[in-house]
Amino acid sequence: GDLALTLYWKISDSTPPPSTKEDYRFVSHPIPERDFRLFTHLIDANFGKAADDDALELPAAYWKPGDLIITKRAMPIPSGMAAGPYWLSIGMYEMGSLKRLPLTDGRSGLSAEELRVGPIKVVGQAPSPSHSLDATFEGVLGLTGFEFARPLLGAGDTLRVSLYWRTMKKVTVDYKVFVHVLDGDGKLIAQHDGEALNGLYPFPQWEQSEEIRDDHNIRLPAEAVGQKLRIVAGIYDPATIQRLRLPDGRDSIDLGEFSLR
């Protein structure tokens, strides 16, 4: 299918005073002689581009201060795209140089190169992990599976661990996820703790029974070279640092071993 977008642009030759509404402006004063292209990208929680539409050109020769331009686009959504939350990235760039126009927030004055809107939920088949699990943390969150590549990893390499979560009921606490790497003695040597999906889509925003893949990247230290390492994962309440437990009383789940060369 397609994602239908209607965008409203107002041409300005000066920066109006801040307003109380969300007010974003692409900075290019006075009215430029260059032509621009509008981009709309759909990105995932790892900031990877899942879909895009850069087809609309905006010829500056036709711009006049005060003009209101309405653009309607239909971004094609690739078949087989994984279900889950995505974010719409909107901006403009110069034809030829491909240089993006700075985007200024009319209230705070903060500048960026894109406006990000979301999350936008793409429905479809639930993500399928390579290793299935049936682990439930206190009836709140279920871990349905995981995956991580087991190539020959070296010191300084990044290990990506993907967790597949399902909400068992509506979540009201902004739980944090931990993924820890332990040595043979059970000592913590590397970790990633954080909100689900890099904080872009925390658990309280999820619907009941929603299933989503959550990636965690861990930098591996030099002192672990030559060791067999183990990965464990779980969740905790950041307000109390209290971990949620599995039915057997454990407060983490073992995801397996790997070696560091």
C-alpha atoms as a PDB file:
ATOM      1  CA  GLY A   1       0.000   0.000   0.000  1.00  0.00           C
ATOM      2  CA  ASP A   2       0.877   3.688   0.061  1.00  0.00           C
ATOM      3  CA  LEU A   3       1.305   6.206   2.866  1.00  0.00           C
ATOM      4  CA  ALA A   4      -0.748   9.271   1.907  1.00  0.00           C
ATOM      5  CA  LEU A   5       0.862  12.578   2.909  1.00  0.00           C
ATOM      6  CA  THR A   6      -0.465  16.132   2.677  1.00  0.00           C
ATOM      7  CA  LEU A   7       2.087  18.827   3.521  1.00  0.00           C
ATOM      8  CA  TYR A   8       1.469  22.575   3.808  1.00  0.00           C
ATOM      9  CA  TRP A   9       4.281  25.025   3.049  1.00  0.00           C
ATOM     10  CA  LYS A  10       4.278  28.781   3.462  1.00  0.00           C
ATOM     11  CA  ILE A  11       6.865  30.888   1.646  1.00  0.00           C
ATOM     12  CA  SER A  12       8.414  33.566   3.830  1.00  0.00           C
ATOM     13  CA  ASP A  13      11.151  36.119   3.108  1.00  0.00           C
ATOM     14  CA  SER A  14      11.726  36.868   6.788  1.00  0.00           C
ATOM     15  CA  THR A  15      11.520  34.937  10.009  1.00  0.00           C
ATOM     16  CA  PRO A  16       8.284  35.728  11.884  1.00  0.00           C
ATOM     17  CA  PRO A  17       8.295  35.917  15.679  1.00  0.00           C
ATOM     18  CA  PRO A  18       7.905  32.650  17.588  1.00  0.00           C
ATOM     19  CA  SER A  19       4.349  31.389  17.905  1.00  0.00           C
ATOM     20  CA  THR A  20       2.634  29.188  20.463  1.00  0.00           C
ATOM     21  CA  LYS A  21       1.972  26.511  17.847  1.00  0.00           C
ATOM     22  CA  GLU A  22       4.391  24.010  16.371  1.00  0.00           C
ATOM     23  CA  ASP A  23       6.111  26.185  13.806  1.00  0.00           C
ATOM     24  CA  TYR A  24       8.944  24.907  11.641  1.00  0.00           C
ATOM     25  CA  ARG A  25      10.680  26.759   8.802  1.00  0.00           C
ATOM     26  CA  PHE A  26      13.299  25.818   6.251  1.00  0.00           C
ATOM     27  CA  VAL A  27      15.843  28.623   6.267  1.00  0.00           C
ATOM     28  CA  SER A  28      16.706  30.158   2.905  1.00  0.00           C
ATOM     29  CA  HIS A  29      16.415  33.974   2.887  1.00  0.00           C
ATOM     30  CA  PRO A  30      15.849  35.825   0.682  1.00  0.00           C
ATOM     31  CA  ILE A  31      13.810  33.810  -1.831  1.00  0.00           C
ATOM     32  CA  PRO A  32      16.476  31.647  -3.516  1.00  0.00           C
ATOM     33  CA  GLU A  33      17.302  31.299  -7.175  1.00  0.00           C
ATOM     34  CA  ARG A  34      18.131  27.619  -6.716  1.00  0.00           C
ATOM     35  CA  ASP A  35      15.597  24.814  -7.072  1.00  0.00           C
ATOM     36  CA  PHE A  36      14.879  22.319  -4.341  1.00  0.00           C
ATOM     37  CA  ARG A  37      13.562  18.818  -3.930  1.00  0.00           C
ATOM     38  CA  LEU A  38      11.320  17.651  -1.115  1.00  0.00           C
ATOM     39  CA  PHE A  39      12.251  14.405   0.621  1.00  0.00           C
ATOM     40  CA  THR A  40      10.038  12.214   2.763  1.00  0.00           C
ATOM     41  CA  HIS A  41      11.664   9.150   4.312  1.00  0.00           C
ATOM     42  CA  LEU A  42      10.230   6.472   6.557  1.00  0.00           C
ATOM     43  CA  ILE A  43      12.858   5.381   9.086  1.00  0.00           C
ATOM     44  CA  ASP A  44      12.974   2.665  11.731  1.00  0.00           C
ATOM     45  CA  ALA A  45      14.157   2.819  15.340  1.00  0.00           C
ATOM     46  CA  ASN A  46      17.762   2.201  14.230  1.00  0.00           C
ATOM     47  CA  PHE A  47      17.497   5.221  11.881  1.00  0.00           C
ATOM     48  CA  GLY A  48      17.586   2.951   8.844  1.00  0.00           C
ATOM     49  CA  LYS A  49      15.587   4.059   5.810  1.00  0.00           C
ATOM     50  CA  ALA A  50      12.665   1.705   5.170  1.00  0.00           C
ATOM     51  CA  ALA A  51      10.890   3.686   2.428  1.00  0.00           C
ATOM     52  CA  ASP A  52      11.366   7.013   0.666  1.00  0.00           C
ATOM     53  CA  ASP A  53       9.944   9.486  -1.814  1.00  0.00           C
ATOM     54  CA  ASP A  54      12.230  12.201  -3.218  1.00  0.00           C
ATOM     55  CA  ALA A  55      10.289  12.786  -6.410  1.00  0.00           C
ATOM     56  CA  LEU A  56       8.783  16.251  -5.857  1.00  0.00           C
ATOM     57  CA  GLU A  57      10.734  19.223  -7.199  1.00  0.00           C
ATOM     58  CA  LEU A  58      10.016  22.723  -5.862  1.00  0.00           C
ATOM     59  CA  PRO A  59      11.149  25.312  -8.492  1.00  0.00           C
ATOM     60  CA  ALA A  60      12.073  28.480  -6.605  1.00  0.00           C
ATOM     61  CA  ALA A  61      11.337  30.652  -9.645  1.00  0.00           C
ATOM     62  CA  TYR A  62       7.637  30.302  -8.888  1.00  0.00           C
ATOM     63  CA  TRP A  63       7.881  31.200  -5.208  1.00  0.00           C
ATOM     64  CA  LYS A  64       6.422  34.447  -3.883  1.00  0.00           C
ATOM     65  CA  PRO A  65       6.472  35.604  -0.246  1.00  0.00           C
ATOM     66  CA  GLY A  66       3.233  34.632   1.474  1.00  0.00           C
ATOM     67  CA  ASP A  67       2.385  31.795  -0.933  1.00  0.00           C
ATOM     68  CA  LEU A  68       0.825  28.697   0.587  1.00  0.00           C
ATOM     69  CA  ILE A  69       1.898  25.514  -1.171  1.00  0.00           C
ATOM     70  CA  ILE A  70       0.004  22.257  -0.602  1.00  0.00           C
ATOM     71  CA  THR A  71       1.793  19.076  -1.646  1.00  0.00           C
ATOM     72  CA  LYS A  72       0.127  15.680  -1.737  1.00  0.00           C
ATOM     73  CA  ARG A  73       2.265  12.580  -1.977  1.00  0.00           C
ATOM     74  CA  ALA A  74       1.756   8.822  -1.816  1.00  0.00           C
ATOM     75  CA  MET A  75       4.843   7.054  -0.473  1.00  0.00           C
ATOM     76  CA  PRO A  76       4.933   3.399  -1.575  1.00  0.00           C
ATOM     77  CA  ILE A  77       5.350   0.984   1.343  1.00  0.00           C
ATOM     78  CA  PRO A  78       7.483  -2.014   0.293  1.00  0.00           C
ATOM     79  CA  SER A  79       5.795  -5.393   0.427  1.00  0.00           C
ATOM     80  CA  GLY A  80       7.148  -7.536   3.230  1.00  0.00           C
ATOM     81  CA  MET A  81       8.120  -4.521   5.329  1.00  0.00           C
ATOM     82  CA  ALA A  82       8.331  -5.539   8.985  1.00  0.00           C
ATOM     83  CA  ALA A  83       5.403  -4.559  11.161  1.00  0.00           C
ATOM     84  CA  GLY A  84       6.102  -2.023  13.890  1.00  0.00           C
ATOM     85  CA  PRO A  85       6.652   1.679  14.538  1.00  0.00           C
ATOM     86  CA  TYR A  86       8.374   3.965  12.042  1.00  0.00           C
ATOM     87  CA  TRP A  87       9.052   7.703  11.866  1.00  0.00           C
ATOM     88  CA  LEU A  88       8.517  10.114   9.008  1.00  0.00           C
ATOM     89  CA  SER A  89      11.535  12.283   8.161  1.00  0.00           C
ATOM     90  CA  ILE A  90      10.699  15.401   6.104  1.00  0.00           C
ATOM     91  CA  GLY A  91      13.043  17.967   4.605  1.00  0.00           C
ATOM     92  CA  MET A  92      14.351  19.770   1.518  1.00  0.00           C
ATOM     93  CA  TYR A  93      17.658  19.792  -0.324  1.00  0.00           C
ATOM     94  CA  GLU A  94      19.230  21.749  -3.153  1.00  0.00           C
ATOM     95  CA  MET A  95      19.131  20.240  -6.596  1.00  0.00           C
ATOM     96  CA  GLY A  96      22.633  19.530  -7.822  1.00  0.00           C
ATOM     97  CA  SER A  97      24.591  19.926  -4.587  1.00  0.00           C
ATOM     98  CA  LEU A  98      22.164  17.742  -2.561  1.00  0.00           C
ATOM     99  CA  LYS A  99      22.793  20.055   0.408  1.00  0.00           C
ATOM    100  CA  ARG A 100      19.911  19.988   2.875  1.00  0.00           C
ATOM    101  CA  LEU A 101      18.231  23.193   4.013  1.00  0.00           C
ATOM    102  CA  PRO A 102      18.455  23.875   7.746  1.00  0.00           C
ATOM    103  CA  LEU A 103      15.146  23.525   9.540  1.00  0.00           C
ATOM    104  CA  THR A 104      14.461  25.971  12.372  1.00  0.00           C
ATOM    105  CA  ASP A 105      11.927  25.505  15.149  1.00  0.00           C
ATOM    106  CA  GLY A 106       9.978  28.777  15.276  1.00  0.00           C
ATOM    107  CA  ARG A 107       9.641  28.573  19.060  1.00  0.00           C
ATOM    108  CA  SER A 108      13.025  27.466  20.363  1.00  0.00           C
ATOM    109  CA  GLY A 109      15.285  28.472  17.476  1.00  0.00           C
ATOM    110  CA  LEU A 110      16.808  24.980  17.417  1.00  0.00           C
ATOM    111  CA  SER A 111      18.098  23.933  14.012  1.00  0.00           C
ATOM    112  CA  ALA A 112      18.191  20.542  12.286  1.00  0.00           C
ATOM    113  CA  GLU A 113      18.142  19.117   8.772  1.00  0.00           C
ATOM    114  CA  GLU A 114      14.826  17.294   8.994  1.00  0.00           C
ATOM    115  CA  LEU A 115      11.478  17.276  10.732  1.00  0.00           C
ATOM    116  CA  ARG A 116      10.716  13.912  12.331  1.00  0.00           C
ATOM    117  CA  VAL A 117       7.102  12.866  12.938  1.00  0.00           C
ATOM    118  CA  GLY A 118       5.867   9.675  14.547  1.00  0.00           C
ATOM    119  CA  PRO A 119       5.591   6.993  15.485  1.00  0.00           C
ATOM    120  CA  ILE A 120       3.615   5.687  12.504  1.00  0.00           C
ATOM    121  CA  LYS A 121       2.597   2.056  12.945  1.00  0.00           C
ATOM    122  CA  VAL A 122       2.902  -0.310  10.016  1.00  0.00           C
ATOM    123  CA  VAL A 123       0.635  -3.316  10.444  1.00  0.00           C
ATOM    124  CA  GLY A 124       1.362  -6.760   9.119  1.00  0.00           C
ATOM    125  CA  GLN A 125       2.816 -10.057  10.175  1.00  0.00           C
ATOM    126  CA  ALA A 126       4.521 -10.038  13.560  1.00  0.00           C
ATOM    127  CA  PRO A 127       8.334 -10.157  13.401  1.00  0.00           C
ATOM    128  CA  SER A 128       9.779 -13.662  13.541  1.00  0.00           C
ATOM    129  CA  PRO A 129      12.945 -14.313  15.587  1.00  0.00           C
ATOM    130  CA  SER A 130      15.512 -16.954  14.702  1.00  0.00           C
ATOM    131  CA  HIS A 131      15.410 -18.285  18.287  1.00  0.00           C
ATOM    132  CA  SER A 132      11.966 -18.594  19.880  1.00  0.00           C
ATOM    133  CA  LEU A 133      11.251 -18.180  23.582  1.00  0.00           C
ATOM    134  CA  ASP A 134       8.231 -18.251  25.846  1.00  0.00           C
ATOM    135  CA  ALA A 135       9.330 -16.110  28.785  1.00  0.00           C
ATOM    136  CA  THR A 136       7.010 -13.781  30.682  1.00  0.00           C
ATOM    137  CA  PHE A 137       8.174 -11.127  33.128  1.00  0.00           C
ATOM    138  CA  GLU A 138       5.567 -10.869  35.920  1.00  0.00           C
ATOM    139  CA  GLY A 139       2.662 -11.103  33.472  1.00  0.00           C
ATOM    140  CA  VAL A 140       3.561  -7.723  31.963  1.00  0.00           C
ATOM    141  CA  LEU A 141       5.992  -8.324  29.102  1.00  0.00           C
ATOM    142  CA  GLY A 142       6.721 -11.486  27.196  1.00  0.00           C
ATOM    143  CA  LEU A 143      10.020 -12.215  25.480  1.00  0.00           C
ATOM    144  CA  THR A 144       9.045 -14.315  22.454  1.00  0.00           C
ATOM    145  CA  GLY A 145      12.515 -14.676  20.963  1.00  0.00           C
ATOM    146  CA  PHE A 146      15.933 -13.254  20.256  1.00  0.00           C
ATOM    147  CA  GLU A 147      18.796 -13.309  17.794  1.00  0.00           C
ATOM    148  CA  PHE A 148      22.391 -12.242  17.588  1.00  0.00           C
ATOM    149  CA  ALA A 149      25.056 -13.023  15.023  1.00  0.00           C
ATOM    150  CA  ARG A 150      27.841 -15.342  16.171  1.00  0.00           C
ATOM    151  CA  PRO A 151      30.669 -14.423  13.785  1.00  0.00           C
ATOM    152  CA  LEU A 152      34.272 -14.106  14.974  1.00  0.00           C
ATOM    153  CA  LEU A 153      33.969 -10.933  17.009  1.00  0.00           C
ATOM    154  CA  GLY A 154      37.013  -8.957  18.109  1.00  0.00           C
ATOM    155  CA  ALA A 155      37.800  -6.302  20.699  1.00  0.00           C
ATOM    156  CA  GLY A 156      36.067  -3.041  19.877  1.00  0.00           C
ATOM    157  CA  ASP A 157      33.488  -4.750  17.658  1.00  0.00           C
ATOM    158  CA  THR A 158      29.805  -4.120  18.211  1.00  0.00           C
ATOM    159  CA  LEU A 159      27.487  -6.982  19.090  1.00  0.00           C
ATOM    160  CA  ARG A 160      23.855  -6.442  18.104  1.00  0.00           C
ATOM    161  CA  VAL A 161      21.291  -8.344  20.147  1.00  0.00           C
ATOM    162  CA  SER A 162      17.686  -8.293  18.920  1.00  0.00           C
ATOM    163  CA  LEU A 163      14.915  -8.947  21.444  1.00  0.00           C
ATOM    164  CA  TYR A 164      11.322  -9.697  20.432  1.00  0.00           C
ATOM    165  CA  TRP A 165       8.837  -8.391  22.976  1.00  0.00           C
ATOM    166  CA  ARG A 166       5.077  -8.803  23.339  1.00  0.00           C
ATOM    167  CA  THR A 167       2.963  -6.774  25.757  1.00  0.00           C
ATOM    168  CA  MET A 168       0.766  -9.085  27.822  1.00  0.00           C
ATOM    169  CA  LYS A 169      -1.334  -6.136  29.006  1.00  0.00           C
ATOM    170  CA  LYS A 170      -1.239  -2.363  28.767  1.00  0.00           C
ATOM    171  CA  VAL A 171       2.087  -1.224  30.257  1.00  0.00           C
ATOM    172  CA  THR A 172       2.056   1.846  32.498  1.00  0.00           C
ATOM    173  CA  VAL A 173       5.699   1.856  33.658  1.00  0.00           C
ATOM    174  CA  ASP A 174       8.496   3.063  31.386  1.00  0.00           C
ATOM    175  CA  TYR A 175      10.619  -0.026  31.944  1.00  0.00           C
ATOM    176  CA  LYS A 176      14.216  -0.171  30.801  1.00  0.00           C
ATOM    177  CA  VAL A 177      15.711  -3.158  29.020  1.00  0.00           C
ATOM    178  CA  PHE A 178      19.138  -4.485  29.945  1.00  0.00           C
ATOM    179  CA  VAL A 179      21.369  -6.692  27.834  1.00  0.00           C
ATOM    180  CA  HIS A 180      24.517  -7.736  29.704  1.00  0.00           C
ATOM    181  CA  VAL A 181      27.631  -9.601  28.571  1.00  0.00           C
ATOM    182  CA  LEU A 182      29.210 -11.739  31.309  1.00  0.00           C
ATOM    183  CA  ASP A 183      32.553 -13.518  31.446  1.00  0.00           C
ATOM    184  CA  GLY A 184      33.084 -17.096  32.609  1.00  0.00           C
ATOM    185  CA  ASP A 185      32.954 -16.017  36.257  1.00  0.00           C
ATOM    186  CA  GLY A 186      29.681 -14.171  35.805  1.00  0.00           C
ATOM    187  CA  LYS A 187      31.365 -10.756  35.903  1.00  0.00           C
ATOM    188  CA  LEU A 188      29.733  -7.970  33.909  1.00  0.00           C
ATOM    189  CA  ILE A 189      32.121  -6.787  31.178  1.00  0.00           C
ATOM    190  CA  ALA A 190      29.818  -4.969  28.718  1.00  0.00           C
ATOM    191  CA  GLN A 191      26.218  -3.851  28.615  1.00  0.00           C
ATOM    192  CA  HIS A 192      23.461  -1.818  27.074  1.00  0.00           C
ATOM    193  CA  ASP A 193      20.633  -0.501  29.254  1.00  0.00           C
ATOM    194  CA  GLY A 194      17.920   1.691  27.822  1.00  0.00           C
ATOM    195  CA  GLU A 195      14.315   2.234  26.890  1.00  0.00           C
ATOM    196  CA  ALA A 196      12.771   0.091  24.203  1.00  0.00           C
ATOM    197  CA  LEU A 197      13.646   1.061  20.616  1.00  0.00           C
ATOM    198  CA  ASN A 198      16.302   3.588  21.660  1.00  0.00           C
ATOM    199  CA  GLY A 199      13.715   5.542  23.652  1.00  0.00           C
ATOM    200  CA  LEU A 200      11.749   6.389  20.511  1.00  0.00           C
ATOM    201  CA  TYR A 201       8.891   4.039  21.367  1.00  0.00           C
ATOM    202  CA  PRO A 202       8.846   3.281  25.115  1.00  0.00           C
ATOM    203  CA  PHE A 203       6.664   0.501  26.492  1.00  0.00           C
ATOM    204  CA  PRO A 204       3.765   2.712  27.734  1.00  0.00           C
ATOM    205  CA  GLN A 205       3.085   3.676  24.084  1.00  0.00           C
ATOM    206  CA  TRP A 206       2.620   0.050  23.013  1.00  0.00           C
ATOM    207  CA  GLU A 207      -0.814  -1.462  22.537  1.00  0.00           C
ATOM    208  CA  GLN A 208      -1.782  -4.647  24.347  1.00  0.00           C
ATOM    209  CA  SER A 209      -0.475  -7.772  22.556  1.00  0.00           C
ATOM    210  CA  GLU A 210       1.790  -5.654  20.331  1.00  0.00           C
ATOM    211  CA  GLU A 211       4.905  -7.524  19.163  1.00  0.00           C
ATOM    212  CA  ILE A 212       8.030  -5.557  18.234  1.00  0.00           C
ATOM    213  CA  ARG A 213      11.719  -6.188  17.617  1.00  0.00           C
ATOM    214  CA  ASP A 214      14.024  -4.207  19.912  1.00  0.00           C
ATOM    215  CA  ASP A 215      17.746  -3.945  18.980  1.00  0.00           C
ATOM    216  CA  HIS A 216      20.594  -3.342  21.409  1.00  0.00           C
ATOM    217  CA  ASN A 217      24.192  -2.607  20.376  1.00  0.00           C
ATOM    218  CA  ILE A 218      27.073  -3.469  22.738  1.00  0.00           C
ATOM    219  CA  ARG A 219      30.739  -2.500  22.269  1.00  0.00           C
ATOM    220  CA  LEU A 220      32.992  -5.404  23.305  1.00  0.00           C
ATOM    221  CA  PRO A 221      36.083  -4.611  25.423  1.00  0.00           C
ATOM    222  CA  ALA A 222      39.672  -5.691  24.764  1.00  0.00           C
ATOM    223  CA  GLU A 223      40.052  -7.440  28.139  1.00  0.00           C
ATOM    224  CA  ALA A 224      37.540 -10.090  27.068  1.00  0.00           C
ATOM    225  CA  VAL A 225      39.639 -11.376  24.133  1.00  0.00           C
ATOM    226  CA  GLY A 226      39.985 -15.157  24.138  1.00  0.00           C
ATOM    227  CA  GLN A 227      37.096 -15.695  26.530  1.00  0.00           C
ATOM    228  CA  LYS A 228      33.779 -17.418  26.189  1.00  0.00           C
ATOM    229  CA  LEU A 229      31.118 -14.862  26.989  1.00  0.00           C
ATOM    230  CA  ARG A 230      27.448 -15.164  27.921  1.00  0.00           C
ATOM    231  CA  ILE A 231      24.531 -12.837  27.156  1.00  0.00           C
ATOM    232  CA  VAL A 232      21.674 -12.263  29.597  1.00  0.00           C
ATOM    233  CA  ALA A 233      18.709  -9.914  29.281  1.00  0.00           C
ATOM    234  CA  GLY A 234      15.803  -8.606  31.297  1.00  0.00           C
ATOM    235  CA  ILE A 235      13.829  -5.514  32.271  1.00  0.00           C
ATOM    236  CA  TYR A 236      13.667  -3.240  35.313  1.00  0.00           C
ATOM    237  CA  ASP A 237      11.838  -0.240  36.712  1.00  0.00           C
ATOM    238  CA  PRO A 238      14.274   2.721  36.495  1.00  0.00           C
ATOM    239  CA  ALA A 239      12.574   4.438  39.438  1.00  0.00           C
ATOM    240  CA  THR A 240      13.377   1.569  41.829  1.00  0.00           C
ATOM    241  CA  ILE A 241      16.042  -0.391  39.861  1.00  0.00           C
ATOM    242  CA  GLN A 242      13.880  -3.405  40.698  1.00  0.00           C
ATOM    243  CA  ARG A 243      14.051  -6.145  38.065  1.00  0.00           C
ATOM    244  CA  LEU A 244      10.951  -7.960  36.906  1.00  0.00           C
ATOM    245  CA  ARG A 245      11.101 -11.689  37.499  1.00  0.00           C
ATOM    246  CA  LEU A 246      10.303 -14.782  35.497  1.00  0.00           C
ATOM    247  CA  PRO A 247       7.873 -17.391  36.860  1.00  0.00           C
ATOM    248  CA  ASP A 248      10.784 -19.455  38.258  1.00  0.00           C
ATOM    249  CA  GLY A 249      12.125 -16.464  40.209  1.00  0.00           C
ATOM    250  CA  ARG A 250      15.031 -15.534  37.940  1.00  0.00           C
ATOM    251  CA  ASP A 251      15.439 -11.847  37.138  1.00  0.00           C
ATOM    252  CA  SER A 252      17.139 -12.368  33.744  1.00  0.00           C
ATOM    253  CA  ILE A 253      17.114 -14.834  30.894  1.00  0.00           C
ATOM    254  CA  ASP A 254      20.164 -16.532  29.380  1.00  0.00           C
ATOM    255  CA  LEU A 255      20.485 -15.992  25.618  1.00  0.00           C
ATOM    256  CA  GLY A 256      23.591 -18.097  24.983  1.00  0.00           C
ATOM    257  CA  GLU A 257      27.347 -17.930  24.536  1.00  0.00           C
ATOM    258  CA  PHE A 258      29.850 -16.574  22.035  1.00  0.00           C
ATOM    259  CA  SER A 259      33.620 -16.213  21.851  1.00  0.00           C
ATOM    260  CA  LEU A 260      35.701 -13.073  21.441  1.00  0.00           C
ATOM    261  CA  ARG A 261      38.876 -13.465  19.381  1.00  0.00           C
END
